[in-house]
């Protein structure tokens, strides 16, 4: 597991370095991801993320850790409206950079089918504001039923790349599946 996490972090750093020049322009980010990694337009678009709780976990080191939980409404292509609930453990590397490890569950608003996820990201502050952009990698695992009645089966054991922008009023997130 530790080897997988290390590989994911290396991959995340490579991805972040490729798209960091385009942080302010999501359409350029999407084009860069598309041409560099063979993924298509985002399969997930979330526009109303809200932090539901924040707690400090550790301040005994030079890199404090916080826990942030959120809920988010989104639309997934060929699924429809979904609810995403998750929690990230963020390590504050500097006043402008954080790295995070998260997990959560996306639920279909129509069928209540679910897909679990685990994610790793790197966040950068935008121009000395309270806004951050997070670029990351996400791993999906569909929860039962594992049959044609579950609209999330196309995500089972899939990997995605994502970009989130978080500010005082909420967050937006886009996820691309990686083929």
N, C-alpha and C. Protein backbone atom coordinates (compact mmCIF):
# COMPACT_ATOMS: atom_id res chain seq x y z
N UNK A 1 0.82 -1.19 0.00
CA UNK A 1 0.00 0.00 0.00
C UNK A 1 0.87 1.26 0.00
N UNK A 2 1.95 1.24 0.79
CA UNK A 2 2.83 2.40 0.85
C UNK A 2 3.48 2.66 -0.50
N UNK A 3 3.84 1.60 -1.23
CA UNK A 3 4.43 1.76 -2.56
C UNK A 3 3.42 2.41 -3.50
N UNK A 4 2.15 1.96 -3.44
CA UNK A 4 1.10 2.54 -4.26
C UNK A 4 0.92 4.02 -3.93
N UNK A 5 0.91 4.35 -2.65
CA UNK A 5 0.75 5.75 -2.25
C UNK A 5 1.91 6.60 -2.76
N UNK A 6 3.13 6.09 -2.66
CA UNK A 6 4.30 6.84 -3.14
C UNK A 6 4.22 7.05 -4.65
N UNK A 7 3.79 6.02 -5.39
CA UNK A 7 3.64 6.16 -6.84
C UNK A 7 2.56 7.19 -7.16
N UNK A 8 1.48 7.18 -6.40
CA UNK A 8 0.40 8.14 -6.62
C UNK A 8 0.89 9.56 -6.37
N UNK A 9 1.67 9.76 -5.32
CA UNK A 9 2.17 11.10 -5.03
C UNK A 9 3.12 11.58 -6.10
N UNK A 10 3.97 10.69 -6.62
CA UNK A 10 4.87 11.05 -7.71
C UNK A 10 4.04 11.43 -8.95
N UNK A 11 3.03 10.62 -9.26
CA UNK A 11 2.17 10.91 -10.39
C UNK A 11 1.45 12.24 -10.20
N UNK A 12 0.98 12.49 -9.00
CA UNK A 12 0.29 13.74 -8.70
C UNK A 12 1.21 14.94 -8.92
N UNK A 13 2.44 14.83 -8.50
CA UNK A 13 3.40 15.92 -8.68
C UNK A 13 3.64 16.17 -10.17
N UNK A 14 3.75 15.11 -10.95
CA UNK A 14 3.94 15.27 -12.39
C UNK A 14 2.72 15.96 -13.01
N UNK A 15 1.53 15.50 -12.64
CA UNK A 15 0.29 16.09 -13.17
C UNK A 15 0.20 17.55 -12.77
N UNK A 16 0.45 17.84 -11.49
CA UNK A 16 0.36 19.23 -11.01
C UNK A 16 1.34 20.13 -11.76
N UNK A 17 2.54 19.63 -12.01
CA UNK A 17 3.51 20.46 -12.71
C UNK A 17 3.10 20.73 -14.16
N UNK A 18 2.42 19.76 -14.77
CA UNK A 18 1.96 19.96 -16.14
C UNK A 18 0.82 20.97 -16.24
N UNK A 19 -0.07 20.96 -15.26
CA UNK A 19 -1.23 21.83 -15.39
C UNK A 19 -1.15 23.10 -14.56
N UNK A 20 -0.15 23.24 -13.70
CA UNK A 20 -0.07 24.42 -12.85
C UNK A 20 0.03 25.74 -13.62
N UNK A 21 0.63 25.80 -14.81
CA UNK A 21 0.64 27.09 -15.51
C UNK A 21 -0.75 27.55 -15.95
N UNK A 22 -1.71 26.62 -15.95
CA UNK A 22 -3.04 26.92 -16.46
C UNK A 22 -4.09 26.99 -15.36
N UNK A 23 -3.69 27.14 -14.11
CA UNK A 23 -4.60 27.07 -12.97
C UNK A 23 -5.78 28.01 -13.11
N UNK A 24 -5.62 29.18 -13.66
CA UNK A 24 -6.71 30.13 -13.76
C UNK A 24 -7.70 29.86 -14.88
N UNK A 25 -7.41 28.93 -15.78
CA UNK A 25 -8.26 28.72 -16.93
C UNK A 25 -8.59 27.24 -17.07
N UNK A 26 -9.78 26.85 -16.61
CA UNK A 26 -10.14 25.42 -16.58
C UNK A 26 -10.22 24.82 -17.97
N UNK A 27 -10.62 25.58 -18.99
CA UNK A 27 -10.71 25.00 -20.33
C UNK A 27 -9.31 24.66 -20.85
N UNK A 28 -8.31 25.49 -20.53
CA UNK A 28 -6.94 25.18 -20.93
C UNK A 28 -6.44 23.98 -20.14
N UNK A 29 -6.81 23.88 -18.85
CA UNK A 29 -6.44 22.71 -18.05
C UNK A 29 -7.00 21.45 -18.70
N UNK A 30 -8.28 21.48 -19.07
CA UNK A 30 -8.91 20.31 -19.69
C UNK A 30 -8.20 19.93 -20.98
N UNK A 31 -7.86 20.92 -21.81
CA UNK A 31 -7.17 20.62 -23.06
C UNK A 31 -5.80 20.02 -22.79
N UNK A 32 -5.09 20.55 -21.79
CA UNK A 32 -3.77 20.04 -21.46
C UNK A 32 -3.86 18.61 -20.95
N UNK A 33 -4.84 18.34 -20.06
CA UNK A 33 -5.01 16.97 -19.57
C UNK A 33 -5.36 16.06 -20.72
N UNK A 34 -6.27 16.49 -21.60
CA UNK A 34 -6.71 15.68 -22.72
C UNK A 34 -5.53 15.30 -23.61
N UNK A 35 -4.72 16.28 -23.99
CA UNK A 35 -3.62 15.98 -24.90
C UNK A 35 -2.48 15.23 -24.23
N UNK A 36 -2.29 15.43 -22.93
CA UNK A 36 -1.17 14.80 -22.25
C UNK A 36 -1.47 13.39 -21.75
N UNK A 37 -2.72 13.15 -21.37
CA UNK A 37 -3.02 11.89 -20.71
C UNK A 37 -4.10 11.06 -21.39
N UNK A 38 -4.64 11.48 -22.50
CA UNK A 38 -5.61 10.69 -23.23
C UNK A 38 -6.97 10.61 -22.56
N UNK A 39 -7.32 11.56 -21.73
CA UNK A 39 -8.65 11.58 -21.12
C UNK A 39 -9.52 12.58 -21.86
N UNK A 40 -10.83 12.46 -21.67
CA UNK A 40 -11.76 13.30 -22.41
C UNK A 40 -12.27 14.43 -21.53
N UNK A 41 -13.41 15.00 -21.91
CA UNK A 41 -14.02 16.05 -21.11
C UNK A 41 -14.40 15.50 -19.74
N UNK A 42 -14.61 16.37 -18.76
CA UNK A 42 -14.90 15.88 -17.41
C UNK A 42 -16.16 15.02 -17.37
N UNK A 43 -16.10 13.93 -16.64
CA UNK A 43 -17.28 13.09 -16.48
C UNK A 43 -18.06 13.52 -15.24
N UNK A 44 -17.44 14.36 -14.39
CA UNK A 44 -18.04 14.81 -13.14
C UNK A 44 -17.85 16.32 -13.05
N UNK A 45 -18.94 17.03 -12.76
CA UNK A 45 -18.85 18.47 -12.54
C UNK A 45 -19.64 18.81 -11.29
N UNK A 46 -18.94 19.28 -10.26
CA UNK A 46 -19.57 19.71 -9.02
C UNK A 46 -19.42 21.20 -8.87
N UNK A 47 -20.51 21.88 -8.51
CA UNK A 47 -20.47 23.34 -8.48
C UNK A 47 -20.92 23.94 -7.16
N UNK A 48 -21.32 23.13 -6.21
CA UNK A 48 -21.82 23.74 -4.97
C UNK A 48 -21.30 23.02 -3.74
N UNK A 49 -20.00 22.82 -3.68
CA UNK A 49 -19.40 22.16 -2.52
C UNK A 49 -19.43 23.06 -1.29
N UNK A 50 -19.69 22.46 -0.15
CA UNK A 50 -19.77 23.20 1.11
C UNK A 50 -19.01 22.45 2.19
N UNK A 51 -18.16 23.15 2.93
CA UNK A 51 -17.46 22.55 4.07
C UNK A 51 -18.48 22.33 5.19
N UNK A 52 -18.53 21.11 5.71
CA UNK A 52 -19.47 20.80 6.79
C UNK A 52 -18.80 20.78 8.16
N UNK A 53 -17.49 20.52 8.20
CA UNK A 53 -16.77 20.58 9.47
C UNK A 53 -15.27 20.69 9.21
N UNK A 54 -14.59 21.30 10.15
CA UNK A 54 -13.14 21.42 10.12
C UNK A 54 -12.63 21.18 11.52
N UNK A 55 -11.54 20.42 11.62
CA UNK A 55 -10.94 20.23 12.93
C UNK A 55 -9.43 20.12 12.78
N UNK A 56 -8.73 20.61 13.80
CA UNK A 56 -7.28 20.54 13.83
C UNK A 56 -6.89 19.19 14.41
N UNK A 57 -6.00 18.49 13.71
CA UNK A 57 -5.57 17.16 14.15
C UNK A 57 -4.24 17.20 14.87
N UNK A 58 -3.28 17.98 14.33
CA UNK A 58 -1.93 17.98 14.89
C UNK A 58 -1.26 19.33 14.64
N UNK A 59 -0.74 19.93 15.69
CA UNK A 59 0.03 21.17 15.54
C UNK A 59 1.42 21.02 16.16
N UNK A 60 1.82 19.79 16.45
CA UNK A 60 3.08 19.55 17.15
C UNK A 60 4.29 19.52 16.23
N UNK A 61 4.09 19.68 14.92
CA UNK A 61 5.21 19.66 13.99
C UNK A 61 5.22 20.97 13.18
N UNK A 62 6.20 21.09 12.30
CA UNK A 62 6.26 22.25 11.41
C UNK A 62 5.18 22.21 10.34
N UNK A 63 4.51 21.07 10.20
CA UNK A 63 3.48 20.88 9.17
C UNK A 63 2.17 20.44 9.82
N UNK A 64 1.38 21.40 10.32
CA UNK A 64 0.13 21.06 10.99
C UNK A 64 -0.82 20.30 10.06
N UNK A 65 -1.71 19.50 10.68
CA UNK A 65 -2.69 18.73 9.92
C UNK A 65 -4.09 19.12 10.35
N UNK A 66 -4.97 19.23 9.35
CA UNK A 66 -6.37 19.51 9.61
C UNK A 66 -7.22 18.46 8.92
N UNK A 67 -8.44 18.32 9.40
CA UNK A 67 -9.42 17.43 8.78
C UNK A 67 -10.58 18.30 8.30
N UNK A 68 -10.92 18.17 7.04
CA UNK A 68 -12.01 18.95 6.46
C UNK A 68 -13.01 18.00 5.83
N UNK A 69 -14.28 18.10 6.22
CA UNK A 69 -15.35 17.31 5.62
C UNK A 69 -16.22 18.22 4.78
N UNK A 70 -16.83 17.65 3.73
CA UNK A 70 -17.62 18.45 2.81
C UNK A 70 -18.77 17.64 2.23
N UNK A 71 -19.74 18.35 1.68
CA UNK A 71 -20.77 17.76 0.83
C UNK A 71 -20.78 18.57 -0.45
N UNK A 72 -21.20 17.90 -1.53
CA UNK A 72 -21.17 18.57 -2.83
C UNK A 72 -22.23 17.95 -3.73
N UNK A 73 -23.00 18.78 -4.38
CA UNK A 73 -23.90 18.32 -5.43
C UNK A 73 -23.15 18.36 -6.74
N UNK A 74 -23.42 17.38 -7.62
CA UNK A 74 -22.69 17.32 -8.88
C UNK A 74 -23.55 16.61 -9.93
N UNK A 75 -23.04 16.63 -11.15
CA UNK A 75 -23.65 15.89 -12.25
C UNK A 75 -22.57 14.99 -12.83
N UNK A 76 -22.89 13.71 -13.01
CA UNK A 76 -21.99 12.76 -13.66
C UNK A 76 -22.62 12.37 -14.99
N UNK A 77 -21.82 12.43 -16.06
CA UNK A 77 -22.31 12.04 -17.38
C UNK A 77 -22.92 10.65 -17.33
N UNK A 78 -24.07 10.48 -17.95
CA UNK A 78 -24.81 9.22 -18.05
C UNK A 78 -25.31 8.68 -16.71
N UNK A 79 -25.20 9.47 -15.64
CA UNK A 79 -25.74 9.09 -14.34
C UNK A 79 -26.78 10.11 -13.90
N UNK A 80 -26.43 11.39 -13.98
CA UNK A 80 -27.33 12.45 -13.55
C UNK A 80 -26.85 13.09 -12.27
N UNK A 81 -27.79 13.58 -11.47
CA UNK A 81 -27.46 14.28 -10.23
C UNK A 81 -26.96 13.30 -9.17
N UNK A 82 -25.89 13.72 -8.48
CA UNK A 82 -25.29 12.90 -7.43
C UNK A 82 -24.96 13.79 -6.23
N UNK A 83 -24.76 13.14 -5.09
CA UNK A 83 -24.29 13.81 -3.88
C UNK A 83 -22.95 13.19 -3.51
N UNK A 84 -21.98 14.04 -3.23
CA UNK A 84 -20.64 13.59 -2.88
C UNK A 84 -20.35 14.05 -1.45
N UNK A 85 -20.00 13.11 -0.59
CA UNK A 85 -19.65 13.41 0.80
C UNK A 85 -18.25 12.87 1.05
N UNK A 86 -17.36 13.70 1.60
CA UNK A 86 -16.00 13.24 1.80
C UNK A 86 -15.28 13.96 2.91
N UNK A 87 -14.11 13.43 3.24
CA UNK A 87 -13.24 14.00 4.26
C UNK A 87 -11.80 13.94 3.77
N UNK A 88 -11.09 15.04 3.95
CA UNK A 88 -9.67 15.11 3.61
C UNK A 88 -8.86 15.40 4.87
N UNK A 89 -7.70 14.78 4.95
CA UNK A 89 -6.69 15.15 5.94
C UNK A 89 -5.67 15.98 5.16
N UNK A 90 -5.53 17.25 5.54
CA UNK A 90 -4.63 18.16 4.83
C UNK A 90 -3.41 18.45 5.68
N UNK A 91 -2.25 18.34 5.07
CA UNK A 91 -1.00 18.71 5.72
C UNK A 91 -0.58 20.06 5.16
N UNK A 92 -0.41 21.03 6.03
CA UNK A 92 -0.04 22.37 5.60
C UNK A 92 1.47 22.42 5.44
N UNK A 93 1.92 22.48 4.19
CA UNK A 93 3.36 22.49 3.89
C UNK A 93 3.95 23.89 4.02
N UNK A 94 3.17 24.90 3.66
CA UNK A 94 3.57 26.31 3.78
C UNK A 94 2.28 27.12 3.74
N UNK A 95 2.42 28.44 3.80
CA UNK A 95 1.21 29.28 3.74
C UNK A 95 0.54 29.22 2.38
N UNK A 96 1.24 28.69 1.38
CA UNK A 96 0.69 28.64 0.02
C UNK A 96 0.48 27.23 -0.51
N UNK A 97 0.85 26.18 0.24
CA UNK A 97 0.78 24.82 -0.29
C UNK A 97 0.27 23.85 0.77
N UNK A 98 -0.64 22.97 0.35
CA UNK A 98 -1.10 21.87 1.20
C UNK A 98 -1.08 20.59 0.38
N UNK A 99 -1.00 19.47 1.06
CA UNK A 99 -1.20 18.18 0.39
C UNK A 99 -2.27 17.44 1.17
N UNK A 100 -3.09 16.70 0.45
CA UNK A 100 -4.22 16.07 1.10
C UNK A 100 -4.42 14.63 0.71
N UNK A 101 -5.03 13.89 1.63
CA UNK A 101 -5.46 12.51 1.41
C UNK A 101 -6.92 12.46 1.82
N UNK A 102 -7.78 11.99 0.90
CA UNK A 102 -9.20 12.01 1.20
C UNK A 102 -9.90 10.72 0.84
N UNK A 103 -11.12 10.60 1.35
CA UNK A 103 -11.97 9.47 1.02
C UNK A 103 -13.43 9.91 1.13
N UNK A 104 -14.29 9.21 0.40
CA UNK A 104 -15.69 9.58 0.46
C UNK A 104 -16.56 8.64 -0.34
N UNK A 105 -17.83 9.05 -0.47
CA UNK A 105 -18.83 8.26 -1.19
C UNK A 105 -19.66 9.20 -2.05
N UNK A 106 -19.85 8.80 -3.31
CA UNK A 106 -20.75 9.51 -4.22
C UNK A 106 -22.01 8.65 -4.33
N UNK A 107 -23.18 9.29 -4.16
CA UNK A 107 -24.46 8.59 -4.19
C UNK A 107 -25.34 9.17 -5.28
N UNK A 108 -25.96 8.29 -6.06
CA UNK A 108 -26.91 8.73 -7.08
C UNK A 108 -28.16 9.27 -6.39
N UNK A 109 -28.61 10.46 -6.80
CA UNK A 109 -29.82 11.03 -6.22
C UNK A 109 -31.05 10.23 -6.62
N UNK A 110 -31.00 9.52 -7.76
CA UNK A 110 -32.16 8.78 -8.25
C UNK A 110 -32.25 7.36 -7.68
N UNK A 111 -31.15 6.61 -7.73
CA UNK A 111 -31.19 5.19 -7.35
C UNK A 111 -30.60 4.88 -5.99
N UNK A 112 -29.86 5.83 -5.42
CA UNK A 112 -29.11 5.63 -4.17
C UNK A 112 -27.97 4.63 -4.29
N UNK A 113 -27.58 4.23 -5.52
CA UNK A 113 -26.37 3.43 -5.71
C UNK A 113 -25.18 4.30 -5.35
N UNK A 114 -24.07 3.65 -4.98
CA UNK A 114 -22.91 4.39 -4.48
C UNK A 114 -21.59 3.91 -5.08
N UNK A 115 -20.65 4.84 -5.13
CA UNK A 115 -19.27 4.53 -5.49
C UNK A 115 -18.39 5.20 -4.43
N UNK A 116 -17.45 4.43 -3.88
CA UNK A 116 -16.50 4.96 -2.90
C UNK A 116 -15.28 5.50 -3.65
N UNK A 117 -14.56 6.42 -3.02
CA UNK A 117 -13.36 6.96 -3.63
C UNK A 117 -12.29 7.23 -2.59
N UNK A 118 -11.04 7.17 -3.04
CA UNK A 118 -9.85 7.58 -2.27
C UNK A 118 -9.06 8.52 -3.17
N UNK A 119 -8.56 9.61 -2.61
CA UNK A 119 -7.90 10.61 -3.44
C UNK A 119 -6.67 11.19 -2.75
N UNK A 120 -5.77 11.72 -3.57
CA UNK A 120 -4.54 12.35 -3.12
C UNK A 120 -4.38 13.63 -3.93
N UNK A 121 -4.07 14.76 -3.26
CA UNK A 121 -3.95 15.99 -4.03
C UNK A 121 -2.90 16.94 -3.47
N UNK A 122 -2.64 17.96 -4.27
CA UNK A 122 -1.72 19.02 -3.92
C UNK A 122 -2.46 20.33 -4.15
N UNK A 123 -2.48 21.19 -3.13
CA UNK A 123 -3.21 22.45 -3.22
C UNK A 123 -2.26 23.64 -3.22
N UNK A 124 -2.59 24.63 -4.04
CA UNK A 124 -1.80 25.86 -4.11
C UNK A 124 -2.72 27.06 -3.93
N UNK A 125 -2.28 28.01 -3.12
CA UNK A 125 -3.04 29.26 -2.92
C UNK A 125 -3.01 30.08 -4.21
N UNK A 126 -4.13 30.74 -4.51
CA UNK A 126 -4.23 31.59 -5.70
C UNK A 126 -3.92 33.03 -5.31
N UNK A 127 -2.78 33.54 -5.77
CA UNK A 127 -2.42 34.96 -5.66
C UNK A 127 -2.71 35.60 -4.30
N UNK A 128 -2.21 35.03 -3.23
CA UNK A 128 -2.35 35.60 -1.88
C UNK A 128 -3.80 35.86 -1.46
N UNK A 129 -4.73 35.05 -1.94
CA UNK A 129 -6.13 35.14 -1.54
C UNK A 129 -6.43 33.99 -0.58
N UNK A 130 -7.68 33.82 -0.22
CA UNK A 130 -8.07 32.67 0.60
C UNK A 130 -8.49 31.49 -0.28
N UNK A 131 -8.37 31.62 -1.60
CA UNK A 131 -8.74 30.57 -2.54
C UNK A 131 -7.56 29.63 -2.80
N UNK A 132 -7.89 28.34 -2.94
CA UNK A 132 -6.89 27.33 -3.28
C UNK A 132 -7.35 26.55 -4.50
N UNK A 133 -6.40 26.08 -5.30
CA UNK A 133 -6.67 25.14 -6.38
C UNK A 133 -5.98 23.84 -6.02
N UNK A 134 -6.74 22.74 -6.09
CA UNK A 134 -6.23 21.41 -5.79
C UNK A 134 -6.24 20.58 -7.06
N UNK A 135 -5.11 19.95 -7.37
CA UNK A 135 -5.00 19.01 -8.48
C UNK A 135 -4.68 17.66 -7.87
N UNK A 136 -5.43 16.63 -8.33
CA UNK A 136 -5.23 15.34 -7.68
C UNK A 136 -5.58 14.14 -8.53
N UNK A 137 -5.41 13.00 -7.90
CA UNK A 137 -5.73 11.72 -8.51
C UNK A 137 -6.74 11.04 -7.59
N UNK A 138 -7.72 10.35 -8.19
CA UNK A 138 -8.81 9.74 -7.44
C UNK A 138 -9.02 8.30 -7.92
N UNK A 139 -9.25 7.39 -6.99
CA UNK A 139 -9.46 5.98 -7.28
C UNK A 139 -10.88 5.62 -6.88
N UNK A 140 -11.62 4.98 -7.80
CA UNK A 140 -13.02 4.63 -7.56
C UNK A 140 -13.20 3.15 -7.28
N UNK A 141 -14.19 2.84 -6.43
CA UNK A 141 -14.54 1.46 -6.11
C UNK A 141 -16.06 1.39 -5.94
N UNK A 142 -16.75 0.78 -6.91
CA UNK A 142 -18.21 0.72 -6.88
C UNK A 142 -18.66 -0.20 -5.74
N UNK A 143 -19.66 0.27 -5.00
CA UNK A 143 -20.25 -0.52 -3.93
C UNK A 143 -21.42 -1.33 -4.48
N UNK A 144 -21.75 -2.49 -3.87
CA UNK A 144 -22.84 -3.34 -4.40
C UNK A 144 -24.14 -2.56 -4.56
N UNK A 145 -24.96 -2.95 -5.53
CA UNK A 145 -24.88 -4.15 -6.36
C UNK A 145 -23.88 -3.98 -7.52
N UNK A 146 -23.20 -5.08 -7.87
CA UNK A 146 -22.25 -5.08 -8.98
C UNK A 146 -22.90 -5.69 -10.21
N UNK A 147 -23.96 -5.07 -10.68
CA UNK A 147 -24.65 -5.56 -11.87
C UNK A 147 -25.12 -4.38 -12.71
N UNK A 148 -25.87 -4.68 -13.76
CA UNK A 148 -26.27 -3.64 -14.70
C UNK A 148 -27.24 -2.61 -14.10
N UNK A 149 -27.79 -2.89 -12.91
CA UNK A 149 -28.67 -1.91 -12.26
C UNK A 149 -27.89 -0.76 -11.63
N UNK A 150 -26.58 -0.91 -11.52
CA UNK A 150 -25.75 0.12 -10.89
C UNK A 150 -25.11 0.99 -11.97
N UNK A 151 -25.59 2.22 -12.06
CA UNK A 151 -25.12 3.15 -13.09
C UNK A 151 -23.66 3.57 -12.90
N UNK A 152 -23.06 3.23 -11.77
CA UNK A 152 -21.66 3.57 -11.51
C UNK A 152 -20.67 2.49 -11.96
N UNK A 153 -21.15 1.38 -12.52
CA UNK A 153 -20.24 0.28 -12.87
C UNK A 153 -19.10 0.73 -13.79
N UNK A 154 -19.33 1.75 -14.61
CA UNK A 154 -18.27 2.22 -15.50
C UNK A 154 -17.09 2.81 -14.72
N UNK A 155 -17.29 3.10 -13.42
CA UNK A 155 -16.22 3.65 -12.59
C UNK A 155 -15.49 2.60 -11.76
N UNK A 156 -15.96 1.35 -11.77
CA UNK A 156 -15.37 0.34 -10.90
C UNK A 156 -13.89 0.15 -11.22
N UNK A 157 -13.05 0.29 -10.20
CA UNK A 157 -11.60 0.13 -10.31
C UNK A 157 -10.98 1.10 -11.33
N UNK A 158 -11.58 2.26 -11.51
CA UNK A 158 -11.06 3.27 -12.43
C UNK A 158 -10.27 4.32 -11.66
N UNK A 159 -9.46 5.03 -12.40
CA UNK A 159 -8.65 6.13 -11.88
C UNK A 159 -9.09 7.40 -12.57
N UNK A 160 -9.11 8.49 -11.83
CA UNK A 160 -9.46 9.79 -12.41
C UNK A 160 -8.47 10.86 -11.99
N UNK A 161 -8.50 11.95 -12.72
CA UNK A 161 -7.72 13.14 -12.39
C UNK A 161 -8.72 14.24 -12.08
N UNK A 162 -8.42 15.09 -11.10
CA UNK A 162 -9.38 16.13 -10.78
C UNK A 162 -8.71 17.46 -10.48
N UNK A 163 -9.56 18.48 -10.56
CA UNK A 163 -9.18 19.85 -10.23
C UNK A 163 -10.31 20.44 -9.42
N UNK A 164 -9.99 21.01 -8.27
CA UNK A 164 -10.98 21.68 -7.43
C UNK A 164 -10.49 23.08 -7.14
N UNK A 165 -11.42 24.00 -7.13
CA UNK A 165 -11.12 25.36 -6.68
C UNK A 165 -12.00 25.62 -5.47
N UNK A 166 -11.36 25.97 -4.35
CA UNK A 166 -12.06 26.16 -3.08
C UNK A 166 -11.83 27.59 -2.61
N UNK A 167 -12.93 28.26 -2.21
CA UNK A 167 -12.81 29.60 -1.66
C UNK A 167 -13.80 29.76 -0.51
N UNK A 168 -13.96 30.99 -0.02
CA UNK A 168 -14.83 31.23 1.13
C UNK A 168 -16.29 30.92 0.88
N UNK A 169 -16.70 30.90 -0.38
CA UNK A 169 -18.12 30.69 -0.68
C UNK A 169 -18.44 29.26 -1.09
N UNK A 170 -17.44 28.39 -1.23
CA UNK A 170 -17.69 27.00 -1.61
C UNK A 170 -16.61 26.48 -2.52
N UNK A 171 -16.99 25.49 -3.36
CA UNK A 171 -16.00 24.89 -4.25
C UNK A 171 -16.64 24.44 -5.55
N UNK A 172 -15.78 24.31 -6.55
CA UNK A 172 -16.15 23.68 -7.80
C UNK A 172 -15.13 22.57 -8.06
N UNK A 173 -15.57 21.49 -8.70
CA UNK A 173 -14.68 20.35 -8.92
C UNK A 173 -15.01 19.72 -10.27
N UNK A 174 -13.98 19.32 -10.99
CA UNK A 174 -14.15 18.56 -12.22
C UNK A 174 -13.27 17.33 -12.13
N UNK A 175 -13.82 16.19 -12.60
CA UNK A 175 -13.08 14.93 -12.58
C UNK A 175 -13.10 14.35 -13.99
N UNK A 176 -11.94 13.94 -14.45
CA UNK A 176 -11.80 13.26 -15.73
C UNK A 176 -11.41 11.82 -15.45
N UNK A 177 -12.03 10.85 -16.11
CA UNK A 177 -11.55 9.47 -15.97
C UNK A 177 -10.33 9.30 -16.85
N UNK A 178 -9.46 8.46 -16.38
CA UNK A 178 -8.19 8.24 -17.08
C UNK A 178 -8.20 6.83 -17.65
N UNK A 179 -8.20 6.74 -18.97
CA UNK A 179 -8.25 5.43 -19.64
C UNK A 179 -6.88 4.88 -19.87
